[in-house]
C-alpha atoms as a PDB file:
ATOM      1  CA  MET A   1       0.000   0.000   0.000  1.00  0.00           C
ATOM      2  CA  GLU A   2       1.390   3.395  -0.939  1.00  0.00           C
ATOM      3  CA  VAL A   3       1.437   6.077   1.723  1.00  0.00           C
ATOM      4  CA  MET A   4       0.290   9.510   0.640  1.00  0.00           C
ATOM      5  CA  MET A   5       2.855  12.183   1.435  1.00  0.00           C
ATOM      6  CA  GLY A   6       2.694  15.945   1.337  1.00  0.00           C
ATOM      7  CA  ILE A   7       0.583  17.038   4.326  1.00  0.00           C
ATOM      8  CA  PRO A   8       2.274  20.289   5.402  1.00  0.00           C
ATOM      9  CA  GLU A   9       4.012  20.304   8.778  1.00  0.00           C
ATOM     10  CA  GLN A  10       1.927  23.345   9.708  1.00  0.00           C
ATOM     11  CA  GLN A  11      -1.290  21.398   9.137  1.00  0.00           C
ATOM     12  CA  LEU A  12       0.003  18.474  11.165  1.00  0.00           C
ATOM     13  CA  GLU A  13       0.981  20.889  13.946  1.00  0.00           C
ATOM     14  CA  ARG A  14      -2.587  22.230  14.060  1.00  0.00           C
ATOM     15  CA  TRP A  15      -3.867  18.669  14.248  1.00  0.00           C
ATOM     16  CA  THR A  16      -1.783  18.001  17.388  1.00  0.00           C
ATOM     17  CA  THR A  17      -3.464  20.795  19.367  1.00  0.00           C
ATOM     18  CA  LEU A  18      -4.935  19.642  22.667  1.00  0.00           C
ATOM     19  CA  GLY A  19      -8.648  20.284  23.023  1.00  0.00           C
ATOM     20  CA  ALA A  20     -10.160  22.297  25.865  1.00  0.00           C
ATOM     21  CA  GLN A  21     -10.000  20.725  29.321  1.00  0.00           C
ATOM     22  CA  ASP A  22     -12.233  23.096  31.322  1.00  0.00           C
ATOM     23  CA  GLY A  23     -15.489  21.445  30.269  1.00  0.00           C
ATOM     24  CA  SER A  24     -14.364  17.980  31.352  1.00  0.00           C
ATOM     25  CA  ARG A  25     -13.149  19.263  34.734  1.00  0.00           C
ATOM     26  CA  ASP A  26     -16.415  21.119  35.390  1.00  0.00           C
ATOM     27  CA  THR A  27     -18.504  18.116  34.338  1.00  0.00           C
ATOM     28  CA  TYR A  28     -16.474  15.760  36.508  1.00  0.00           C
ATOM     29  CA  ALA A  29     -16.772  18.099  39.509  1.00  0.00           C
ATOM     30  CA  SER A  30     -20.534  18.352  38.993  1.00  0.00           C
ATOM     31  CA  ILE A  31     -21.011  14.576  38.884  1.00  0.00           C
ATOM     32  CA  LYS A  32     -18.751  14.072  41.894  1.00  0.00           C
ATOM     33  CA  TYR A  33     -20.793  16.585  43.880  1.00  0.00           C
ATOM     34  CA  ALA A  34     -24.085  15.023  42.736  1.00  0.00           C
ATOM     35  CA  LEU A  35     -23.017  11.627  44.059  1.00  0.00           C
ATOM     36  CA  SER A  36     -21.560  12.925  47.327  1.00  0.00           C
ATOM     37  CA  SER A  37     -24.753  14.856  48.049  1.00  0.00           C
ATOM     38  CA  SER A  38     -26.769  11.648  47.587  1.00  0.00           C
ATOM     39  CA  SER A  39     -24.848   9.532  50.076  1.00  0.00           C
ATOM     40  CA  SER A  40     -28.097   8.299  51.620  1.00  0.00           C
ATOM     41  CA  VAL A  41     -28.986   6.561  48.333  1.00  0.00           C
ATOM     42  CA  ILE A  42     -25.659   4.830  47.668  1.00  0.00           C
ATOM     43  CA  LYS A  43     -25.165   2.210  50.396  1.00  0.00           C
ATOM     44  CA  THR A  44     -21.424   2.744  50.865  1.00  0.00           C
ATOM     45  CA  GLY A  45     -18.847   5.459  50.388  1.00  0.00           C
ATOM     46  CA  ASP A  46     -16.205   2.908  49.446  1.00  0.00           C
ATOM     47  CA  TYR A  47     -15.927   3.819  45.792  1.00  0.00           C
ATOM     48  CA  ASP A  48     -13.554   5.721  43.506  1.00  0.00           C
ATOM     49  CA  ILE A  49     -14.665   8.232  40.902  1.00  0.00           C
ATOM     50  CA  TYR A  50     -12.347   9.229  38.088  1.00  0.00           C
ATOM     51  CA  LEU A  51     -12.210  10.149  34.412  1.00  0.00           C
ATOM     52  CA  GLN A  52     -11.275   7.701  31.688  1.00  0.00           C
ATOM     53  CA  GLY A  53     -10.720   8.137  27.979  1.00  0.00           C
ATOM     54  CA  SER A  54      -9.259  11.035  26.037  1.00  0.00           C
ATOM     55  CA  TYR A  55      -9.541  13.763  28.681  1.00  0.00           C
ATOM     56  CA  PRO A  56      -7.346  12.228  31.416  1.00  0.00           C
ATOM     57  CA  ASN A  57      -5.075  10.832  28.700  1.00  0.00           C
ATOM     58  CA  SER A  58      -4.650  14.299  27.152  1.00  0.00           C
ATOM     59  CA  THR A  59      -5.576  12.947  23.728  1.00  0.00           C
ATOM     60  CA  ASN A  60      -8.786  14.943  23.317  1.00  0.00           C
ATOM     61  CA  ILE A  61      -9.114  17.276  20.369  1.00  0.00           C
ATOM     62  CA  ARG A  62     -11.359  20.182  19.512  1.00  0.00           C
ATOM     63  CA  GLY A  63     -14.881  18.895  19.050  1.00  0.00           C
ATOM     64  CA  ASP A  64     -14.570  16.049  21.565  1.00  0.00           C
ATOM     65  CA  SER A  65     -17.508  16.452  23.892  1.00  0.00           C
ATOM     66  CA  ASP A  66     -18.636  13.408  25.868  1.00  0.00           C
ATOM     67  CA  VAL A  67     -16.897  12.875  29.197  1.00  0.00           C
ATOM     68  CA  ASP A  68     -16.430   9.300  30.449  1.00  0.00           C
ATOM     69  CA  VAL A  69     -16.656   8.961  34.228  1.00  0.00           C
ATOM     70  CA  VAL A  70     -15.893   5.721  36.072  1.00  0.00           C
ATOM     71  CA  LEU A  71     -17.621   5.044  39.375  1.00  0.00           C
ATOM     72  CA  GLN A  72     -15.722   2.078  40.803  1.00  0.00           C
ATOM     73  CA  LEU A  73     -17.200   0.250  43.784  1.00  0.00           C
ATOM     74  CA  ASN A  74     -14.422  -1.197  45.971  1.00  0.00           C
ATOM     75  CA  ALA A  75     -16.562  -2.758  48.701  1.00  0.00           C
ATOM     76  CA  THR A  76     -17.352  -5.533  46.209  1.00  0.00           C
ATOM     77  CA  MET A  77     -14.933  -7.030  43.713  1.00  0.00           C
ATOM     78  CA  PHE A  78     -14.705  -9.659  40.994  1.00  0.00           C
ATOM     79  CA  SER A  79     -11.456 -11.587  40.566  1.00  0.00           C
ATOM     80  CA  ASP A  80      -9.624 -13.688  37.997  1.00  0.00           C
ATOM     81  CA  THR A  81      -7.535 -16.252  39.881  1.00  0.00           C
ATOM     82  CA  SER A  82      -6.749 -18.481  36.895  1.00  0.00           C
ATOM     83  CA  SER A  83      -3.010 -17.701  37.106  1.00  0.00           C
ATOM     84  CA  LEU A  84      -2.727 -18.712  40.767  1.00  0.00           C
ATOM     85  CA  THR A  85      -1.437 -22.065  41.992  1.00  0.00           C
ATOM     86  CA  VAL A  86      -3.795 -24.546  43.648  1.00  0.00           C
ATOM     87  CA  LEU A  87      -2.501 -23.488  47.082  1.00  0.00           C
ATOM     88  CA  GLU A  88      -2.880 -19.797  46.286  1.00  0.00           C
ATOM     89  CA  LYS A  89      -6.483 -20.361  45.124  1.00  0.00           C
ATOM     90  CA  GLN A  90      -7.247 -22.152  48.393  1.00  0.00           C
ATOM     91  CA  LEU A  91      -5.732 -19.307  50.406  1.00  0.00           C
ATOM     92  CA  TYR A  92      -7.709 -16.794  48.373  1.00  0.00           C
ATOM     93  CA  GLU A  93     -11.012 -18.625  48.878  1.00  0.00           C
ATOM     94  CA  GLY A  94     -10.349 -18.730  52.598  1.00  0.00           C
ATOM     95  CA  ALA A  95      -9.655 -15.007  52.779  1.00  0.00           C
ATOM     96  CA  VAL A  96     -12.641 -13.557  50.897  1.00  0.00           C
ATOM     97  CA  SER A  97     -16.186 -13.188  52.168  1.00  0.00           C
ATOM     98  CA  PRO A  98     -19.482 -13.082  50.231  1.00  0.00           C
ATOM     99  CA  ALA A  99     -20.553  -9.712  48.876  1.00  0.00           C
ATOM    100  CA  SER A 100     -23.371  -7.853  50.591  1.00  0.00           C
ATOM    101  CA  TYR A 101     -23.767  -5.065  48.034  1.00  0.00           C
ATOM    102  CA  TYR A 102     -23.982  -6.215  44.441  1.00  0.00           C
ATOM    103  CA  TRP A 103     -23.122  -4.444  41.215  1.00  0.00           C
ATOM    104  CA  ALA A 104     -26.744  -4.335  40.019  1.00  0.00           C
ATOM    105  CA  ASP A 105     -27.819  -2.668  43.293  1.00  0.00           C
ATOM    106  CA  PHE A 106     -24.946  -0.192  43.102  1.00  0.00           C
ATOM    107  CA  ARG A 107     -25.836   0.707  39.520  1.00  0.00           C
ATOM    108  CA  GLN A 108     -29.461   1.278  40.418  1.00  0.00           C
ATOM    109  CA  ASP A 109     -28.480   3.445  43.385  1.00  0.00           C
ATOM    110  CA  VAL A 110     -26.169   5.543  41.190  1.00  0.00           C
ATOM    111  CA  LEU A 111     -28.964   5.956  38.650  1.00  0.00           C
ATOM    112  CA  CYS A 112     -31.358   7.127  41.386  1.00  0.00           C
ATOM    113  CA  SER A 113     -28.744   9.518  42.782  1.00  0.00           C
ATOM    114  CA  LEU A 114     -28.158  11.156  39.401  1.00  0.00           C
ATOM    115  CA  LYS A 115     -31.876  11.454  38.688  1.00  0.00           C
ATOM    116  CA  ASN A 116     -32.475  12.991  42.104  1.00  0.00           C
ATOM    117  CA  TYR A 117     -29.781  15.604  41.533  1.00  0.00           C
ATOM    118  CA  TYR A 118     -30.125  16.452  37.836  1.00  0.00           C
ATOM    119  CA  GLY A 119     -33.758  15.530  37.218  1.00  0.00           C
ATOM    120  CA  THR A 120     -35.122  12.505  35.375  1.00  0.00           C
ATOM    121  CA  ASN A 121     -35.320  14.387  32.076  1.00  0.00           C
ATOM    122  CA  GLN A 122     -31.522  14.880  32.128  1.00  0.00           C
ATOM    123  CA  ILE A 123     -30.687  11.196  32.636  1.00  0.00           C
ATOM    124  CA  SER A 124     -31.076   8.163  30.390  1.00  0.00           C
ATOM    125  CA  ASP A 125     -30.127   4.562  31.062  1.00  0.00           C
ATOM    126  CA  GLY A 126     -27.876   3.235  28.303  1.00  0.00           C
ATOM    127  CA  LYS A 127     -26.653  -0.235  27.414  1.00  0.00           C
ATOM    128  CA  LYS A 128     -23.273   0.209  29.098  1.00  0.00           C
ATOM    129  CA  SER A 129     -23.470   3.530  30.910  1.00  0.00           C
ATOM    130  CA  ILE A 130     -25.767   6.077  32.491  1.00  0.00           C
ATOM    131  CA  LYS A 131     -25.972   9.104  30.222  1.00  0.00           C
ATOM    132  CA  ILE A 132     -26.194  12.695  31.415  1.00  0.00           C
ATOM    133  CA  LYS A 133     -27.274  15.357  28.942  1.00  0.00           C
ATOM    134  CA  ALA A 134     -25.164  18.431  28.308  1.00  0.00           C
ATOM    135  CA  ASN A 135     -26.246  21.914  29.302  1.00  0.00           C
ATOM    136  CA  THR A 136     -24.632  25.347  29.446  1.00  0.00           C
ATOM    137  CA  ASN A 137     -22.578  24.381  32.512  1.00  0.00           C
ATOM    138  CA  ARG A 138     -21.418  20.891  31.613  1.00  0.00           C
ATOM    139  CA  LEU A 139     -20.623  18.513  28.779  1.00  0.00           C
ATOM    140  CA  ALA A 140     -22.549  15.347  28.060  1.00  0.00           C
ATOM    141  CA  ALA A 141     -21.276  12.485  30.187  1.00  0.00           C
ATOM    142  CA  ASP A 142     -21.307   8.707  30.293  1.00  0.00           C
ATOM    143  CA  VAL A 143     -21.149   7.412  33.862  1.00  0.00           C
ATOM    144  CA  VAL A 144     -20.033   3.791  34.220  1.00  0.00           C
ATOM    145  CA  PRO A 145     -20.964   2.176  37.566  1.00  0.00           C
ATOM    146  CA  CYS A 146     -18.680  -0.810  38.006  1.00  0.00           C
ATOM    147  CA  ILE A 147     -16.939  -2.940  40.607  1.00  0.00           C
ATOM    148  CA  GLN A 148     -13.239  -3.436  41.148  1.00  0.00           C
ATOM    149  CA  PHE A 149     -11.723  -6.246  39.109  1.00  0.00           C
ATOM    150  CA  ARG A 150      -8.496  -7.960  40.094  1.00  0.00           C
ATOM    151  CA  LYS A 151      -6.410 -10.170  37.831  1.00  0.00           C
ATOM    152  CA  TYR A 152      -4.258 -11.987  40.341  1.00  0.00           C
ATOM    153  CA  LYS A 153      -0.614 -12.853  39.808  1.00  0.00           C
ATOM    154  CA  LYS A 154       0.069 -13.964  43.387  1.00  0.00           C
ATOM    155  CA  PHE A 155      -1.911 -14.561  46.578  1.00  0.00           C
ATOM    156  CA  LEU A 156      -0.403 -15.762  49.837  1.00  0.00           C
ATOM    157  CA  GLY A 157      -2.643 -13.606  52.027  1.00  0.00           C
ATOM    158  CA  PRO A 158      -4.351 -10.179  52.149  1.00  0.00           C
ATOM    159  CA  HIS A 159      -0.981  -8.554  52.835  1.00  0.00           C
ATOM    160  CA  ASP A 160       1.039 -10.642  50.397  1.00  0.00           C
ATOM    161  CA  GLU A 161      -0.663 -10.418  47.027  1.00  0.00           C
ATOM    162  CA  GLU A 162      -0.066  -9.128  43.501  1.00  0.00           C
ATOM    163  CA  PHE A 163      -2.778  -8.214  41.023  1.00  0.00           C
ATOM    164  CA  VAL A 164      -3.590  -5.904  38.146  1.00  0.00           C
ATOM    165  CA  GLU A 165      -6.506  -3.643  39.026  1.00  0.00           C
ATOM    166  CA  GLY A 166      -9.278  -3.101  36.535  1.00  0.00           C
ATOM    167  CA  ILE A 167     -13.039  -2.690  36.472  1.00  0.00           C
ATOM    168  CA  THR A 168     -15.903  -4.921  35.463  1.00  0.00           C
ATOM    169  CA  PHE A 169     -19.591  -4.409  34.780  1.00  0.00           C
ATOM    170  CA  TRP A 170     -22.343  -5.987  32.719  1.00  0.00           C
ATOM    171  CA  SER A 171     -24.292  -4.636  29.789  1.00  0.00           C
ATOM    172  CA  ASN A 172     -27.772  -3.456  30.647  1.00  0.00           C
ATOM    173  CA  GLU A 173     -29.488  -5.398  27.881  1.00  0.00           C
ATOM    174  CA  TYR A 174     -29.763  -9.072  26.977  1.00  0.00           C
ATOM    175  CA  PRO A 175     -27.481 -11.084  26.710  1.00  0.00           C
ATOM    176  CA  PHE A 176     -25.959  -9.092  29.636  1.00  0.00           C
ATOM    177  CA  GLN A 177     -22.336  -9.383  28.557  1.00  0.00           C
ATOM    178  CA  GLN A 178     -19.611  -8.959  31.181  1.00  0.00           C
ATOM    179  CA  ILE A 179     -17.128  -6.221  30.274  1.00  0.00           C
ATOM    180  CA  ILE A 180     -13.630  -5.971  31.762  1.00  0.00           C
ATOM    181  CA  ASN A 181     -11.452  -2.899  31.279  1.00  0.00           C
ATOM    182  CA  TYR A 182      -8.278  -1.478  32.795  1.00  0.00           C
ATOM    183  CA  PRO A 183      -8.693   2.323  32.666  1.00  0.00           C
ATOM    184  CA  LYS A 184      -5.989   3.110  35.245  1.00  0.00           C
ATOM    185  CA  VAL A 185      -3.521   0.836  33.440  1.00  0.00           C
ATOM    186  CA  HIS A 186      -4.482   2.500  30.153  1.00  0.00           C
ATOM    187  CA  ILE A 187      -3.616   5.940  31.561  1.00  0.00           C
ATOM    188  CA  ASP A 188      -0.308   4.714  33.024  1.00  0.00           C
ATOM    189  CA  ASN A 189       0.676   2.941  29.794  1.00  0.00           C
ATOM    190  CA  GLY A 190      -0.110   6.035  27.737  1.00  0.00           C
ATOM    191  CA  ALA A 191       2.055   8.212  29.972  1.00  0.00           C
ATOM    192  CA  ALA A 192       4.932   5.717  29.785  1.00  0.00           C
ATOM    193  CA  LYS A 193       4.603   5.439  26.006  1.00  0.00           C
ATOM    194  CA  ASN A 194       4.607   9.212  25.661  1.00  0.00           C
ATOM    195  CA  LYS A 195       7.838   9.420  27.654  1.00  0.00           C
ATOM    196  CA  ARG A 196       9.516   6.693  25.562  1.00  0.00           C
ATOM    197  CA  ALA A 197       8.301   8.337  22.353  1.00  0.00           C
ATOM    198  CA  ASN A 198       9.966  11.709  22.930  1.00  0.00           C
ATOM    199  CA  GLN A 199       6.648  13.205  24.167  1.00  0.00           C
ATOM    200  CA  TYR A 200       5.212  12.565  20.696  1.00  0.00           C
ATOM    201  CA  TYR A 201       2.776   9.702  21.329  1.00  0.00           C
ATOM    202  CA  LYS A 202      -0.143  11.782  22.602  1.00  0.00           C
ATOM    203  CA  ARG A 203       0.484  14.470  19.990  1.00  0.00           C
ATOM    204  CA  THR A 204       0.404  11.755  17.339  1.00  0.00           C
ATOM    205  CA  VAL A 205      -2.893  10.361  18.643  1.00  0.00           C
ATOM    206  CA  ARG A 206      -4.431  13.833  18.377  1.00  0.00           C
ATOM    207  CA  MET A 207      -2.939  14.250  14.896  1.00  0.00           C
ATOM    208  CA  PHE A 208      -4.499  10.987  13.693  1.00  0.00           C
ATOM    209  CA  LYS A 209      -7.853  11.757  15.319  1.00  0.00           C
ATOM    210  CA  ASN A 210      -7.994  15.044  13.417  1.00  0.00           C
ATOM    211  CA  ALA A 211      -6.928  13.293  10.207  1.00  0.00           C
ATOM    212  CA  ARG A 212      -9.747  10.798  10.751  1.00  0.00           C
ATOM    213  CA  ASN A 213     -12.209  13.656  11.234  1.00  0.00           C
ATOM    214  CA  ALA A 214     -11.007  15.230   7.982  1.00  0.00           C
ATOM    215  CA  LEU A 215     -11.757  11.969   6.170  1.00  0.00           C
ATOM    216  CA  ILE A 216     -15.199  11.845   7.781  1.00  0.00           C
ATOM    217  CA  ASP A 217     -15.905  15.416   6.661  1.00  0.00           C
ATOM    218  CA  LYS A 218     -14.978  14.461   3.087  1.00  0.00           C
ATOM    219  CA  GLY A 219     -17.323  11.470   3.254  1.00  0.00           C
ATOM    220  CA  TRP A 220     -14.497   8.977   2.651  1.00  0.00           C
ATOM    221  CA  ILE A 221     -15.153   7.048   5.869  1.00  0.00           C
ATOM    222  CA  THR A 222     -17.987   6.948   8.406  1.00  0.00           C
ATOM    223  CA  SER A 223     -17.808   8.157  12.002  1.00  0.00           C
ATOM    224  CA  LYS A 224     -17.857   4.529  13.161  1.00  0.00           C
ATOM    225  CA  THR A 225     -14.823   3.467  11.126  1.00  0.00           C
ATOM    226  CA  ALA A 226     -12.151   4.395  13.680  1.00  0.00           C
ATOM    227  CA  PRO A 227     -13.450   5.083  17.219  1.00  0.00           C
ATOM    228  CA  SER A 228     -11.082   7.220  19.272  1.00  0.00           C
ATOM    229  CA  TYR A 229     -10.260   4.529  21.835  1.00  0.00           C
ATOM    230  CA  PHE A 230      -9.390   1.976  19.140  1.00  0.00           C
ATOM    231  CA  LEU A 231      -7.306   4.532  17.277  1.00  0.00           C
ATOM    232  CA  GLU A 232      -5.368   5.394  20.430  1.00  0.00           C
ATOM    233  CA  CYS A 233      -4.677   1.715  21.175  1.00  0.00           C
ATOM    234  CA  LEU A 234      -3.629   1.080  17.575  1.00  0.00           C
ATOM    235  CA  ILE A 235      -1.105   3.920  17.571  1.00  0.00           C
ATOM    236  CA  TYR A 236       0.211   2.732  20.948  1.00  0.00           C
ATOM    237  CA  ASN A 237       1.472  -0.401  19.177  1.00  0.00           C
ATOM    238  CA  ALA A 238       3.602   1.511  16.681  1.00  0.00           C
ATOM    239  CA  ALA A 239       7.327   1.227  17.398  1.00  0.00           C
ATOM    240  CA  ASP A 240       8.695   3.881  19.769  1.00  0.00           C
ATOM    241  CA  SER A 241      11.416   4.691  17.228  1.00  0.00           C
ATOM    242  CA  HIS A 242       8.794   5.991  14.772  1.00  0.00           C
ATOM    243  CA  PHE A 243       7.918   8.947  17.005  1.00  0.00           C
ATOM    244  CA  SER A 244      10.547  11.516  16.041  1.00  0.00           C
ATOM    245  CA  THR A 245      10.966  15.283  16.232  1.00  0.00           C
ATOM    246  CA  SER A 246       9.280  15.781  12.867  1.00  0.00           C
ATOM    247  CA  LEU A 247       5.505  15.447  12.729  1.00  0.00           C
ATOM    248  CA  GLU A 248       5.627  14.580   9.018  1.00  0.00           C
ATOM    249  CA  SER A 249       8.094  11.721   9.490  1.00  0.00           C
ATOM    250  CA  THR A 250       6.170  10.517  12.552  1.00  0.00           C
ATOM    251  CA  PHE A 251       2.898  10.552  10.648  1.00  0.00           C
ATOM    252  CA  ILE A 252       4.371   8.679   7.684  1.00  0.00           C
ATOM    253  CA  ASP A 253       6.286   6.103   9.743  1.00  0.00           C
ATOM    254  CA  VAL A 254       3.363   5.342  12.068  1.00  0.00           C
ATOM    255  CA  LEU A 255       0.934   5.160   9.136  1.00  0.00           C
ATOM    256  CA  SER A 256       3.319   2.794   7.319  1.00  0.00           C
ATOM    257  CA  ASP A 257       3.379   0.552  10.396  1.00  0.00           C
ATOM    258  CA  LEU A 258      -0.409   0.459  10.477  1.00  0.00           C
ATOM    259  CA  ALA A 259      -0.705  -0.128   6.732  1.00  0.00           C
ATOM    260  CA  ASN A 260       1.843  -2.963   6.711  1.00  0.00           C
ATOM    261  CA  GLY A 261       0.713  -4.539   9.957  1.00  0.00           C
ATOM    262  CA  GLU A 262       4.150  -4.109  11.512  1.00  0.00           C
ATOM    263  CA  LEU A 263       2.974  -3.509  15.061  1.00  0.00           C
ATOM    264  CA  ASN A 264       4.521  -4.419  18.412  1.00  0.00           C
END
């Protein structure tokens, strides 16, 4: 496949511009306050709330609007112990206790809390998230109620364990698929990649997202062809050596990797 060359460096520079951050911060603060003010509805305060996606990763561009907010229940967790030894699995089973507050109850309580604060006409219940409409003071938001997920590497006791922390939840429609993600790991990996790539990885993601939008505007691809999260993950797999001090050479080298399937 031939790679088209000739996009001016100035155009590529414009495409690397970071989108506004104020809207995401204000929206996040609003949702955090809404949940804290409804503590009587949610049965426990043992949860984390944080942003995921392009805003905390600093890969958002102008025109990005929806804010993704994770609401991670820690009082209940779901674990993958498949990598543990037989003894470690036995120790794990002896250390955990049955849950008393389930994901479905937590999700319903979060939904009630948001409706109580924002009004039922501002909230809709989606397949994977609870959706909050935008207004003059906030962006549209997808709130994901989930429980902590642990992929165990070692377990010899509650104070001698190793695991990768993620989140898990289930779709809200039949067939109720379980979804497992690692948003905190995603943020950490992006920061590490950016450091290895001469601070060019995140700029490159924004450059490609804008290039994708240009193709959408021309009608050459649809808006569903390259979702932002998939695009970010795809570019992550390009070799670190392809991210140089020239945007044009970075664009061409990364695109060549993607076109030829030469990914890490």
